[in-house]
Amino acid sequence: MSGPKLFEPLTVGNLTLANRIVIAPMCQYSANNGCMNDWHQIHLGQLALSGAALLTIEASAVLPEGRITHGDVGLYDDATEAAMAHVIESVRRWSDMPIAIQLSHAGRKASCEVPWKGGLQIAPSEPNGWQTEGPSTVPFLPEENAPVALDVDGLARVRDAFVAATVRAARLGIDAVQLHAAHGYLLHEFLSPLSNRREDEYGGSLENRMRFPLEVFDAVRAAFPAERVVTMRVSGTDWAEGGWDSDQTVAFAKALEARGCSAIHVSSGGITPAQQIPVGPSYQVPLARAVKQTVSIPVVAVGLITDFEQAEAIVGTGDADMIALARTILYDPRWPWHAAAHLGGKVKAPRQYLRSQPRQFKDLFEG
């Protein structure tokens, strides 16, 4: 009798993953001027001991003005690179889990307060605030300060910033780069007709709206070592009339695959406060399934995946190749251990913790 699909290895590009559980990027809003600190060492360190297959560093801004909040992590200068290097060195001293990073620019949704202080956008004239940028001068909320529409020079500056951050990530020895084109941030803003009102070659048709995100992907793919992985996170739908939808996501995924993208991570929403999201267990899985049915590269599903059998069903039925955990693994940092025990799989544990293996699961830990 074969073991659980969730704990079978998977190859993504040239990267071999021990199982199908990946840790999604999760903003901590705790950086100092873009620099990681002890909190990130604690946070990432515990997750690196979880038994998952891949650890993804939170959305890391490629420019200071690309941060969602003033507490966001960045990878845009020597100071932010050095701070990240210190954290990664500490984590890698005790874990061989592959590490990815999500590179991002928040676009019009930047310059915000941290969530536990309300999360509202901060005006450029206020402390911790700055002028936002986007594809068009349409703000996320009507009462917010309007973004500046990126001109040709601005587009080149942002694209070059993604490349520079990628070069820094390569220097840090990071195994994979994920580009953030979801949740209403800059690359998603170009994709969605709700936020992209441009009348040049970067707006209007689907081909035009995909142009800048694909240009960024091509530039990043060329800058990252060929043997390492570049992936994309997308919003499978805006959950709003007239917005980005599953069919457009499929077209975008096909274009990415043709350009050498190694995997697609399918989330949803974030572009408009008018979104109507039918939240429930596995509510985003059909969006991943639609992509999975049309591309040959691995697809990651995410969103309210909390139950062990639920996760096994997602990968076991072929709806997706991997599942990503965010809030679930914050609540239970040993979720992969518990899933392996429940499903009859094996999971890697630190040598220091091997003696914690429960008596009834004698073959749980691989050590």
Protein backbone atom coordinates (compact mmCIF):
# COMPACT_ATOMS: atom_id res chain seq x y z
CA MET A 1 0.00 0.00 0.00
CA SER A 2 1.47 3.33 -1.08
CA GLY A 3 2.04 6.12 1.40
CA PRO A 4 0.34 9.52 1.41
CA LYS A 5 0.84 11.67 -1.69
CA LEU A 6 1.41 14.68 0.58
CA PHE A 7 4.71 13.19 1.69
CA GLU A 8 6.03 12.12 -1.68
CA PRO A 9 9.03 14.11 -2.98
CA LEU A 10 8.63 16.52 -5.89
CA THR A 11 11.10 18.16 -8.25
CA VAL A 12 10.52 21.81 -9.15
CA GLY A 13 12.97 22.82 -11.84
CA ASN A 14 16.26 21.54 -10.43
CA LEU A 15 15.06 21.80 -6.84
CA THR A 16 14.04 18.58 -5.10
CA LEU A 17 11.47 18.99 -2.33
CA ALA A 18 11.07 16.35 0.37
CA ASN A 19 7.25 16.56 0.35
CA ARG A 20 4.37 18.65 -0.99
CA ILE A 21 4.04 21.11 1.93
CA VAL A 22 5.46 24.58 1.41
CA ILE A 23 5.49 27.48 3.84
CA ALA A 24 3.91 30.51 2.22
CA PRO A 25 5.46 33.97 2.54
CA MET A 26 3.91 35.76 5.53
CA CYS A 27 4.50 39.44 6.22
CA GLN A 28 5.57 40.13 9.80
CA TYR A 29 5.60 43.97 9.63
CA SER A 30 8.51 43.96 12.07
CA ALA A 31 11.53 45.13 10.08
CA ASN A 32 13.56 48.25 10.84
CA ASN A 33 14.01 50.37 7.71
CA GLY A 34 13.62 47.22 5.64
CA CYS A 35 16.12 45.26 7.72
CA MET A 36 15.34 41.88 9.27
CA ASN A 37 16.06 41.48 12.97
CA ASP A 38 15.82 38.94 15.81
CA TRP A 39 12.08 38.51 15.32
CA HIS A 40 12.63 37.18 11.79
CA GLN A 41 15.34 34.86 13.09
CA ILE A 42 12.90 33.40 15.64
CA HIS A 43 9.99 33.28 13.19
CA LEU A 44 11.83 31.70 10.27
CA GLY A 45 13.96 29.54 12.54
CA GLN A 46 11.00 27.73 14.09
CA LEU A 47 9.35 27.22 10.69
CA ALA A 48 12.59 25.79 9.30
CA LEU A 49 12.25 22.97 11.87
CA SER A 50 8.63 22.20 10.91
CA GLY A 51 9.20 19.35 8.48
CA ALA A 52 7.79 21.26 5.50
CA ALA A 53 9.59 21.07 2.17
CA LEU A 54 10.25 24.76 1.46
CA LEU A 55 10.51 27.91 3.55
CA THR A 56 9.51 31.14 1.79
CA ILE A 57 10.72 34.48 3.13
CA GLU A 58 7.95 37.06 3.35
CA ALA A 59 7.24 39.62 0.63
CA SER A 60 10.51 41.54 0.38
CA ALA A 61 10.29 44.92 -1.29
CA VAL A 62 12.63 45.66 -4.17
CA LEU A 63 12.45 49.41 -3.44
CA PRO A 64 11.76 51.31 -0.19
CA GLU A 65 8.58 52.76 -1.71
CA GLY A 66 7.53 49.22 -2.66
CA ARG A 67 6.97 48.21 0.97
CA ILE A 68 3.39 47.61 2.07
CA THR A 69 4.18 49.15 5.46
CA HIS A 70 7.13 50.87 7.05
CA GLY A 71 7.69 47.59 8.91
CA ASP A 72 8.15 45.49 5.78
CA VAL A 73 11.30 43.58 4.89
CA GLY A 74 13.28 44.85 1.92
CA LEU A 75 16.11 43.61 -0.26
CA TYR A 76 17.14 46.83 -1.95
CA ASP A 77 20.49 47.93 -0.49
CA ASP A 78 23.56 46.64 1.32
CA ALA A 79 22.00 47.10 4.76
CA THR A 80 18.88 45.05 3.98
CA GLU A 81 21.01 42.37 2.32
CA ALA A 82 23.36 42.15 5.29
CA ALA A 83 20.47 41.85 7.75
CA MET A 84 18.87 39.09 5.69
CA ALA A 85 22.22 37.32 5.36
CA HIS A 86 22.55 37.19 9.15
CA VAL A 87 19.10 35.61 9.56
CA ILE A 88 19.61 33.10 6.75
CA GLU A 89 23.01 32.08 8.09
CA SER A 90 21.50 31.41 11.50
CA VAL A 91 18.58 29.40 10.07
CA ARG A 92 20.79 27.36 7.78
CA ARG A 93 23.12 26.47 10.62
CA TRP A 94 20.34 24.24 12.00
CA SER A 95 18.17 23.39 9.00
CA ASP A 96 18.80 22.23 5.44
CA MET A 97 15.29 23.13 4.30
CA PRO A 98 15.47 24.96 0.94
CA ILE A 99 14.75 28.68 1.21
CA ALA A 100 12.81 30.82 -1.27
CA ILE A 101 12.10 34.53 -1.21
CA GLN A 102 9.09 36.43 -2.48
CA LEU A 103 10.15 39.65 -4.22
CA SER A 104 7.49 42.31 -4.31
CA HIS A 105 6.45 45.88 -4.97
CA ALA A 106 3.22 46.95 -3.27
CA GLY A 107 2.33 49.58 -5.86
CA ARG A 108 -0.71 51.65 -4.89
CA LYS A 109 -1.22 49.55 -1.73
CA ALA A 110 2.09 50.73 -0.22
CA SER A 111 2.72 53.32 2.51
CA CYS A 112 0.40 51.71 5.05
CA GLU A 113 0.42 51.43 8.83
CA VAL A 114 1.11 48.01 10.33
CA PRO A 115 -2.06 45.89 10.78
CA TRP A 116 -2.21 46.04 14.56
CA LYS A 117 -2.30 49.85 14.31
CA GLY A 118 -5.17 49.83 11.85
CA GLY A 119 -3.39 49.18 8.55
CA LEU A 120 -4.68 52.34 6.86
CA GLN A 121 -2.63 54.09 4.22
CA ILE A 122 -0.35 56.85 5.52
CA ALA A 123 -0.27 60.12 3.56
CA PRO A 124 3.06 61.10 1.95
CA SER A 125 3.29 64.15 4.21
CA GLU A 126 3.04 62.07 7.40
CA PRO A 127 5.84 60.21 9.23
CA ASN A 128 6.33 56.68 7.81
CA GLY A 129 4.40 57.65 4.67
CA TRP A 130 5.49 58.15 1.06
CA GLN A 131 4.12 58.69 -2.43
CA THR A 132 2.84 55.46 -3.97
CA GLU A 133 3.17 54.35 -7.60
CA GLY A 134 0.99 52.23 -9.85
CA PRO A 135 0.00 51.53 -13.43
CA SER A 136 -2.60 54.32 -13.24
CA THR A 137 -3.65 57.16 -10.95
CA VAL A 138 -6.51 55.13 -9.48
CA PRO A 139 -6.24 54.70 -5.66
CA PHE A 140 -7.25 51.48 -3.92
CA LEU A 141 -9.78 53.41 -1.80
CA PRO A 142 -11.33 56.69 -3.01
CA GLU A 143 -10.17 58.56 0.09
CA GLU A 144 -6.53 57.49 -0.30
CA ASN A 145 -3.76 59.54 -1.85
CA ALA A 146 -3.68 58.69 -5.57
CA PRO A 147 -0.66 56.80 -6.88
CA VAL A 148 1.61 58.29 -9.53
CA ALA A 149 1.30 56.44 -12.84
CA LEU A 150 4.64 54.91 -13.76
CA ASP A 151 6.06 56.32 -16.98
CA VAL A 152 8.55 54.51 -19.23
CA ASP A 153 11.48 55.52 -17.04
CA GLY A 154 9.55 54.45 -13.94
CA LEU A 155 8.82 51.04 -15.41
CA ALA A 156 12.50 50.56 -16.20
CA ARG A 157 13.44 51.64 -12.69
CA VAL A 158 11.07 49.11 -11.09
CA ARG A 159 12.14 46.32 -13.44
CA ASP A 160 15.80 47.05 -12.69
CA ALA A 161 15.02 47.00 -8.95
CA PHE A 162 13.56 43.50 -9.28
CA VAL A 163 16.73 42.46 -11.08
CA ALA A 164 19.00 44.03 -8.45
CA ALA A 165 17.08 42.29 -5.65
CA THR A 166 17.36 39.01 -7.55
CA VAL A 167 21.13 39.41 -7.80
CA ARG A 168 21.23 40.00 -4.04
CA ALA A 169 19.08 36.91 -3.46
CA ALA A 170 21.45 34.84 -5.58
CA ARG A 171 24.39 36.16 -3.59
CA LEU A 172 22.62 35.09 -0.39
CA GLY A 173 22.40 31.55 -1.72
CA ILE A 174 18.60 31.58 -1.83
CA ASP A 175 17.27 28.55 -3.69
CA ALA A 176 14.23 30.07 -5.38
CA VAL A 177 12.71 33.45 -6.20
CA GLN A 178 8.95 33.94 -6.26
CA LEU A 179 7.58 37.07 -7.92
CA HIS A 180 4.50 38.51 -6.26
CA ALA A 181 1.79 39.19 -8.83
CA ALA A 182 -1.14 38.71 -6.45
CA HIS A 183 -3.15 40.39 -3.67
CA GLY A 184 -3.48 43.76 -5.40
CA TYR A 185 0.21 44.67 -5.44
CA LEU A 186 2.02 46.25 -8.37
CA LEU A 187 2.37 43.36 -10.82
CA HIS A 188 -1.24 42.34 -10.13
CA GLU A 189 -2.27 45.97 -10.61
CA PHE A 190 -0.93 45.80 -14.16
CA LEU A 191 -2.80 42.55 -14.83
CA SER A 192 -6.22 43.64 -13.59
CA PRO A 193 -8.41 45.95 -15.69
CA LEU A 194 -9.84 47.30 -12.42
CA SER A 195 -6.53 48.98 -11.57
CA ASN A 196 -4.84 49.27 -14.97
CA ARG A 197 -6.46 52.11 -16.93
CA ARG A 198 -3.47 52.78 -19.16
CA GLU A 199 -3.88 53.61 -22.84
CA ASP A 200 -0.35 52.70 -23.94
CA GLU A 201 1.15 49.28 -24.75
CA TYR A 202 0.90 48.31 -21.06
CA GLY A 203 -2.88 48.70 -20.79
CA GLY A 204 -6.11 47.67 -22.42
CA SER A 205 -5.90 44.18 -23.94
CA LEU A 206 -4.91 41.10 -21.98
CA GLU A 207 -1.67 40.93 -23.94
CA ASN A 208 -0.86 44.52 -23.00
CA ARG A 209 -1.78 44.10 -19.34
CA MET A 210 0.47 41.03 -19.09
CA ARG A 211 3.37 42.85 -20.77
CA PHE A 212 5.04 44.47 -17.75
CA PRO A 213 4.74 41.46 -15.37
CA LEU A 214 6.20 39.27 -18.13
CA GLU A 215 9.01 41.76 -18.75
CA VAL A 216 9.82 41.64 -15.03
CA PHE A 217 9.74 37.84 -15.07
CA ASP A 218 12.05 37.66 -18.10
CA ALA A 219 14.53 40.07 -16.51
CA VAL A 220 14.53 38.20 -13.19
CA ARG A 221 14.84 34.81 -14.88
CA ALA A 222 17.86 36.08 -16.82
CA ALA A 223 19.47 37.51 -13.66
CA PHE A 224 19.02 34.44 -11.41
CA PRO A 225 21.38 31.47 -11.88
CA ALA A 226 19.93 29.18 -14.57
CA GLU A 227 19.98 26.14 -12.29
CA ARG A 228 17.84 27.86 -9.66
CA VAL A 229 14.07 28.26 -9.59
CA VAL A 230 11.91 31.29 -10.43
CA THR A 231 8.16 31.04 -9.74
CA MET A 232 5.17 33.40 -9.75
CA ARG A 233 2.34 33.95 -7.28
CA VAL A 234 -0.90 35.04 -8.90
CA SER A 235 -4.41 35.98 -7.86
CA GLY A 236 -6.58 33.52 -9.76
CA THR A 237 -9.50 35.96 -9.70
CA ASP A 238 -10.34 39.43 -8.40
CA TRP A 239 -13.74 38.17 -7.17
CA ALA A 240 -15.21 41.31 -8.74
CA GLU A 241 -17.17 42.07 -11.89
CA GLY A 242 -15.02 43.22 -14.78
CA GLY A 243 -11.81 42.16 -13.07
CA TRP A 244 -9.06 39.61 -13.53
CA ASP A 245 -10.46 36.09 -13.69
CA SER A 246 -9.57 32.41 -14.00
CA ASP A 247 -9.43 32.38 -17.80
CA GLN A 248 -6.96 35.27 -17.83
CA THR A 249 -4.93 33.53 -15.12
CA VAL A 250 -4.68 30.44 -17.32
CA ALA A 251 -3.44 32.56 -20.25
CA PHE A 252 -0.88 34.23 -17.99
CA ALA A 253 0.26 30.84 -16.63
CA LYS A 254 0.78 29.52 -20.16
CA ALA A 255 2.86 32.57 -21.05
CA LEU A 256 4.96 32.13 -17.89
CA GLU A 257 5.52 28.44 -18.58
CA ALA A 258 6.74 29.27 -22.09
CA ARG A 259 9.28 31.68 -20.57
CA GLY A 260 10.77 29.17 -18.13
CA CYS A 261 8.70 29.70 -14.99
CA SER A 262 9.18 26.70 -12.69
CA ALA A 263 5.88 26.79 -10.76
CA ILE A 264 2.70 28.82 -10.26
CA HIS A 265 1.26 29.61 -6.82
CA VAL A 266 -2.46 30.41 -7.11
CA SER A 267 -4.08 32.68 -4.52
CA SER A 268 -6.86 35.24 -5.13
CA GLY A 269 -8.30 38.67 -4.45
CA GLY A 270 -6.78 41.84 -3.07
CA ILE A 271 -7.26 44.27 -5.95
CA THR A 272 -10.49 45.97 -4.87
CA PRO A 273 -12.50 46.56 -1.69
CA ALA A 274 -15.58 45.58 -3.76
CA GLN A 275 -14.43 41.94 -3.93
CA GLN A 276 -16.97 39.29 -2.92
CA ILE A 277 -14.94 36.29 -1.70
CA PRO A 278 -16.78 33.03 -0.91
CA VAL A 279 -14.46 32.17 1.96
CA GLY A 280 -14.46 28.55 3.12
CA PRO A 281 -12.17 25.52 3.29
CA SER A 282 -10.29 25.05 -0.01
CA TYR A 283 -12.16 28.01 -1.56
CA GLN A 284 -9.20 28.80 -3.84
CA VAL A 285 -8.45 25.23 -4.91
CA PRO A 286 -10.68 25.39 -8.04
CA LEU A 287 -8.53 28.31 -9.24
CA ALA A 288 -5.39 26.18 -8.85
CA ARG A 289 -7.13 23.26 -10.55
CA ALA A 290 -7.93 25.38 -13.62
CA VAL A 291 -4.24 26.26 -13.99
CA LYS A 292 -3.09 22.71 -13.25
CA GLN A 293 -5.25 21.38 -16.10
CA THR A 294 -3.52 23.59 -18.67
CA VAL A 295 0.18 23.71 -17.73
CA SER A 296 2.79 21.04 -17.10
CA ILE A 297 4.75 22.90 -14.41
CA PRO A 298 3.88 22.36 -10.72
CA VAL A 299 0.98 24.32 -9.24
CA VAL A 300 0.60 25.35 -5.60
CA ALA A 301 -2.80 25.69 -3.91
CA VAL A 302 -3.35 27.86 -0.83
CA GLY A 303 -6.19 29.21 1.31
CA LEU A 304 -7.87 27.82 4.43
CA ILE A 305 -6.09 24.50 4.14
CA THR A 306 -6.11 23.31 7.73
CA ASP A 307 -7.13 19.64 7.78
CA PHE A 308 -4.73 16.76 7.07
CA GLU A 309 -7.20 14.79 4.93
CA GLN A 310 -8.12 17.98 3.09
CA ALA A 311 -4.48 18.60 2.16
CA GLU A 312 -3.97 14.98 1.09
CA ALA A 313 -7.09 15.16 -1.11
CA ILE A 314 -5.87 18.29 -2.88
CA VAL A 315 -2.60 16.72 -4.00
CA GLY A 316 -3.94 13.15 -4.17
CA THR A 317 -6.65 14.04 -6.70
CA GLY A 318 -4.29 16.18 -8.76
CA ASP A 319 -5.99 19.50 -8.10
CA ALA A 320 -2.52 20.85 -7.29
CA ASP A 321 1.00 19.50 -6.86
CA MET A 322 1.67 21.24 -3.55
CA ILE A 323 -0.22 22.99 -0.78
CA ALA A 324 1.00 26.15 0.91
CA LEU A 325 0.40 26.92 4.57
CA ALA A 326 0.33 30.39 6.12
CA ARG A 327 -1.89 31.11 9.12
CA THR A 328 -2.31 27.36 9.65
CA ILE A 329 1.39 26.88 10.30
CA LEU A 330 1.64 29.98 12.46
CA TYR A 331 -1.02 28.44 14.68
CA ASP A 332 0.61 25.00 14.58
CA PRO A 333 4.31 25.19 13.60
CA ARG A 334 4.48 21.37 13.75
CA TRP A 335 1.56 20.86 11.34
CA PRO A 336 3.67 18.75 8.93
CA TRP A 337 4.65 16.44 11.82
CA HIS A 338 1.04 16.01 12.84
CA ALA A 339 -0.08 15.48 9.22
CA ALA A 340 2.56 12.80 8.72
CA ALA A 341 1.49 11.05 11.93
CA HIS A 342 -2.17 11.16 10.91
CA LEU A 343 -1.63 10.04 7.30
CA GLY A 344 1.12 7.50 7.88
CA GLY A 345 3.95 9.49 6.32
CA LYS A 346 7.49 10.30 7.35
CA VAL A 347 8.88 13.71 8.14
CA LYS A 348 12.32 15.13 8.88
CA ALA A 349 12.92 16.35 12.43
CA PRO A 350 15.97 17.93 14.07
CA ARG A 351 18.24 15.48 15.84
CA GLN A 352 17.69 17.45 19.01
CA TYR A 353 13.96 16.60 18.86
CA LEU A 354 14.09 12.95 17.83
CA ARG A 355 13.31 11.77 21.35
CA SER A 356 9.95 13.54 21.14
CA GLN A 357 8.62 10.97 18.64
CA PRO A 358 5.38 9.60 20.11
CA ARG A 359 5.43 5.92 21.01
CA GLN A 360 2.52 5.11 18.72
CA PHE A 361 4.30 6.58 15.67
CA LYS A 362 7.55 4.65 15.72
CA ASP A 363 8.50 5.43 12.10
CA LEU A 364 7.42 9.06 11.96
CA PHE A 365 10.80 10.82 12.09
CA GLU A 366 13.50 10.42 9.46
CA GLY A 367 16.06 12.35 11.49
